[in-house]
Amino acid sequence: MHTSPADELADIRAEMLRLRAREAALRQQILKDPDGNSIGRWHRVEVDEHRDLVLDISRLPEHILQDRHFWREKLVQTLRCLPAASPVSRRPGWPIRREAGAALH
């Protein structure tokens, strides 16, 4: 069955959202106990820390924030996935939902 680019994009984004949530949960679990959770059967995770300097614009004087000389315009294009106005039957089983901890192979 041919899938339209719009439907495929929406399906991929749903799967990515699920994967990002699972990644965040695993990340927290490892950071909570790196010695007990960072070594698996096939992989190990190293926790690395570094510090970056970040510009905090809230600390700039108001006259600089208001000066347009320091601003630039940037074009941003966003694709939003929305239900179709008259949805054609949705593919069964999409987006893929896997049980937590289910083997992928």
C-alpha atoms as a PDB file:
ATOM      1  CA  MET A   1       0.000   0.000   0.000  1.00  0.00           C
ATOM      2  CA  HIS A   2       1.371   3.412  -0.980  1.00  0.00           C
ATOM      3  CA  THR A   3       1.691   5.883   1.879  1.00  0.00           C
ATOM      4  CA  SER A   4       1.572   9.601   1.242  1.00  0.00           C
ATOM      5  CA  PRO A   5       4.529  11.699   2.412  1.00  0.00           C
ATOM      6  CA  ALA A   6       2.205  13.517   4.862  1.00  0.00           C
ATOM      7  CA  ASP A   7       1.076  10.267   6.493  1.00  0.00           C
ATOM      8  CA  GLU A   8       4.579   8.845   6.598  1.00  0.00           C
ATOM      9  CA  LEU A   9       5.935  12.059   8.170  1.00  0.00           C
ATOM     10  CA  ALA A  10       3.239  11.988  10.863  1.00  0.00           C
ATOM     11  CA  ASP A  11       3.937   8.308  11.594  1.00  0.00           C
ATOM     12  CA  ILE A  12       7.689   8.884  11.828  1.00  0.00           C
ATOM     13  CA  ARG A  13       7.211  11.843  14.169  1.00  0.00           C
ATOM     14  CA  ALA A  14       4.956   9.786  16.440  1.00  0.00           C
ATOM     15  CA  GLU A  15       7.578   7.038  16.606  1.00  0.00           C
ATOM     16  CA  MET A  16      10.353   9.564  17.253  1.00  0.00           C
ATOM     17  CA  LEU A  17       8.337  11.069  20.105  1.00  0.00           C
ATOM     18  CA  ARG A  18       7.946   7.636  21.671  1.00  0.00           C
ATOM     19  CA  LEU A  19      11.659   6.926  21.246  1.00  0.00           C
ATOM     20  CA  ARG A  20      12.697  10.306  22.718  1.00  0.00           C
ATOM     21  CA  ALA A  21      10.533   9.658  25.785  1.00  0.00           C
ATOM     22  CA  ARG A  22      12.094   6.221  26.236  1.00  0.00           C
ATOM     23  CA  GLU A  23      15.593   7.666  25.742  1.00  0.00           C
ATOM     24  CA  ALA A  24      14.922  10.302  28.432  1.00  0.00           C
ATOM     25  CA  ALA A  25      13.728   7.645  30.893  1.00  0.00           C
ATOM     26  CA  LEU A  26      16.804   5.471  30.255  1.00  0.00           C
ATOM     27  CA  ARG A  27      19.088   8.506  30.521  1.00  0.00           C
ATOM     28  CA  GLN A  28      17.636   9.388  33.936  1.00  0.00           C
ATOM     29  CA  GLN A  29      17.995   5.780  35.101  1.00  0.00           C
ATOM     30  CA  ILE A  30      21.669   5.694  34.085  1.00  0.00           C
ATOM     31  CA  LEU A  31      22.452   9.119  35.571  1.00  0.00           C
ATOM     32  CA  LYS A  32      20.785   8.120  38.850  1.00  0.00           C
ATOM     33  CA  ASP A  33      23.119   5.116  39.223  1.00  0.00           C
ATOM     34  CA  PRO A  34      25.919   5.182  36.632  1.00  0.00           C
ATOM     35  CA  ASP A  35      27.897   2.409  38.326  1.00  0.00           C
ATOM     36  CA  GLY A  36      24.951   0.003  38.328  1.00  0.00           C
ATOM     37  CA  ASN A  37      23.252   0.890  35.031  1.00  0.00           C
ATOM     38  CA  SER A  38      25.956   1.844  32.552  1.00  0.00           C
ATOM     39  CA  ILE A  39      27.164  -1.609  31.502  1.00  0.00           C
ATOM     40  CA  GLY A  40      25.017  -3.929  29.426  1.00  0.00           C
ATOM     41  CA  ARG A  41      25.592  -7.147  27.568  1.00  0.00           C
ATOM     42  CA  TRP A  42      26.672  -5.464  24.313  1.00  0.00           C
ATOM     43  CA  HIS A  43      27.179  -1.798  25.208  1.00  0.00           C
ATOM     44  CA  ARG A  44      28.454   0.460  27.935  1.00  0.00           C
ATOM     45  CA  VAL A  45      27.595   4.081  28.562  1.00  0.00           C
ATOM     46  CA  GLU A  46      30.134   6.660  29.665  1.00  0.00           C
ATOM     47  CA  VAL A  47      28.923   9.746  31.504  1.00  0.00           C
ATOM     48  CA  ASP A  48      30.875  12.819  30.457  1.00  0.00           C
ATOM     49  CA  GLU A  49      30.481  16.326  31.850  1.00  0.00           C
ATOM     50  CA  HIS A  50      31.650  19.640  30.482  1.00  0.00           C
ATOM     51  CA  ARG A  51      30.724  23.255  31.027  1.00  0.00           C
ATOM     52  CA  ASP A  52      29.819  25.799  28.366  1.00  0.00           C
ATOM     53  CA  LEU A  53      29.545  29.555  28.519  1.00  0.00           C
ATOM     54  CA  VAL A  54      26.040  30.634  27.554  1.00  0.00           C
ATOM     55  CA  LEU A  55      24.981  34.182  26.757  1.00  0.00           C
ATOM     56  CA  ASP A  56      22.141  35.162  29.079  1.00  0.00           C
ATOM     57  CA  ILE A  57      20.290  37.914  27.196  1.00  0.00           C
ATOM     58  CA  SER A  58      18.183  38.689  30.266  1.00  0.00           C
ATOM     59  CA  ARG A  59      21.330  40.215  31.796  1.00  0.00           C
ATOM     60  CA  LEU A  60      21.933  42.632  28.898  1.00  0.00           C
ATOM     61  CA  PRO A  61      21.121  46.317  29.384  1.00  0.00           C
ATOM     62  CA  GLU A  62      17.746  47.379  27.992  1.00  0.00           C
ATOM     63  CA  HIS A  63      19.292  49.844  25.505  1.00  0.00           C
ATOM     64  CA  ILE A  64      21.137  46.967  23.788  1.00  0.00           C
ATOM     65  CA  LEU A  65      18.030  44.775  23.720  1.00  0.00           C
ATOM     66  CA  GLN A  66      16.071  47.590  22.036  1.00  0.00           C
ATOM     67  CA  ASP A  67      18.781  48.442  19.486  1.00  0.00           C
ATOM     68  CA  ARG A  68      17.784  46.806  16.148  1.00  0.00           C
ATOM     69  CA  HIS A  69      21.429  46.928  15.082  1.00  0.00           C
ATOM     70  CA  PHE A  70      21.994  43.782  17.169  1.00  0.00           C
ATOM     71  CA  TRP A  71      19.044  41.876  15.708  1.00  0.00           C
ATOM     72  CA  ARG A  72      18.786  39.846  12.507  1.00  0.00           C
ATOM     73  CA  GLU A  73      15.824  38.340  10.731  1.00  0.00           C
ATOM     74  CA  LYS A  74      15.682  34.570  10.306  1.00  0.00           C
ATOM     75  CA  LEU A  75      13.237  32.575   8.188  1.00  0.00           C
ATOM     76  CA  VAL A  76      11.823  29.556   9.980  1.00  0.00           C
ATOM     77  CA  GLN A  77       9.769  26.942   8.136  1.00  0.00           C
ATOM     78  CA  THR A  78       7.717  24.564  10.263  1.00  0.00           C
ATOM     79  CA  LEU A  79       5.796  21.473   9.171  1.00  0.00           C
ATOM     80  CA  ARG A  80       2.872  20.575  11.429  1.00  0.00           C
ATOM     81  CA  CYS A  81       1.193  17.201  11.158  1.00  0.00           C
ATOM     82  CA  LEU A  82      -2.572  17.537  11.556  1.00  0.00           C
ATOM     83  CA  PRO A  83      -5.437  15.119  10.990  1.00  0.00           C
ATOM     84  CA  ALA A  84      -6.820  15.319   7.451  1.00  0.00           C
ATOM     85  CA  ALA A  85     -10.156  17.127   7.102  1.00  0.00           C
ATOM     86  CA  SER A  86     -11.865  13.941   5.952  1.00  0.00           C
ATOM     87  CA  PRO A  87      -9.604  11.162   7.140  1.00  0.00           C
ATOM     88  CA  VAL A  88      -9.216   8.116   4.962  1.00  0.00           C
ATOM     89  CA  SER A  89      -9.090   4.944   7.010  1.00  0.00           C
ATOM     90  CA  ARG A  90      -6.008   5.059   9.189  1.00  0.00           C
ATOM     91  CA  ARG A  91      -3.520   2.253   8.829  1.00  0.00           C
ATOM     92  CA  PRO A  92      -4.062  -0.246  11.635  1.00  0.00           C
ATOM     93  CA  GLY A  93      -1.275  -0.424  14.188  1.00  0.00           C
ATOM     94  CA  TRP A  94       0.158   3.041  13.476  1.00  0.00           C
ATOM     95  CA  PRO A  95       1.860   4.678  15.129  1.00  0.00           C
ATOM     96  CA  ILE A  96       3.778   1.660  16.344  1.00  0.00           C
ATOM     97  CA  ARG A  97       3.410   1.212  20.086  1.00  0.00           C
ATOM     98  CA  ARG A  98       5.862  -1.120  21.764  1.00  0.00           C
ATOM     99  CA  GLU A  99       5.767  -2.277  25.335  1.00  0.00           C
ATOM    100  CA  ALA A 100       8.545  -0.857  27.521  1.00  0.00           C
ATOM    101  CA  GLY A 101      11.477  -3.235  27.537  1.00  0.00           C
ATOM    102  CA  ALA A 102      10.296  -5.195  24.496  1.00  0.00           C
ATOM    103  CA  ALA A 103      13.113  -6.627  22.414  1.00  0.00           C
ATOM    104  CA  LEU A 104      13.606  -4.951  19.046  1.00  0.00           C
ATOM    105  CA  HIS A 105      15.270  -7.933  17.375  1.00  0.00           C
END
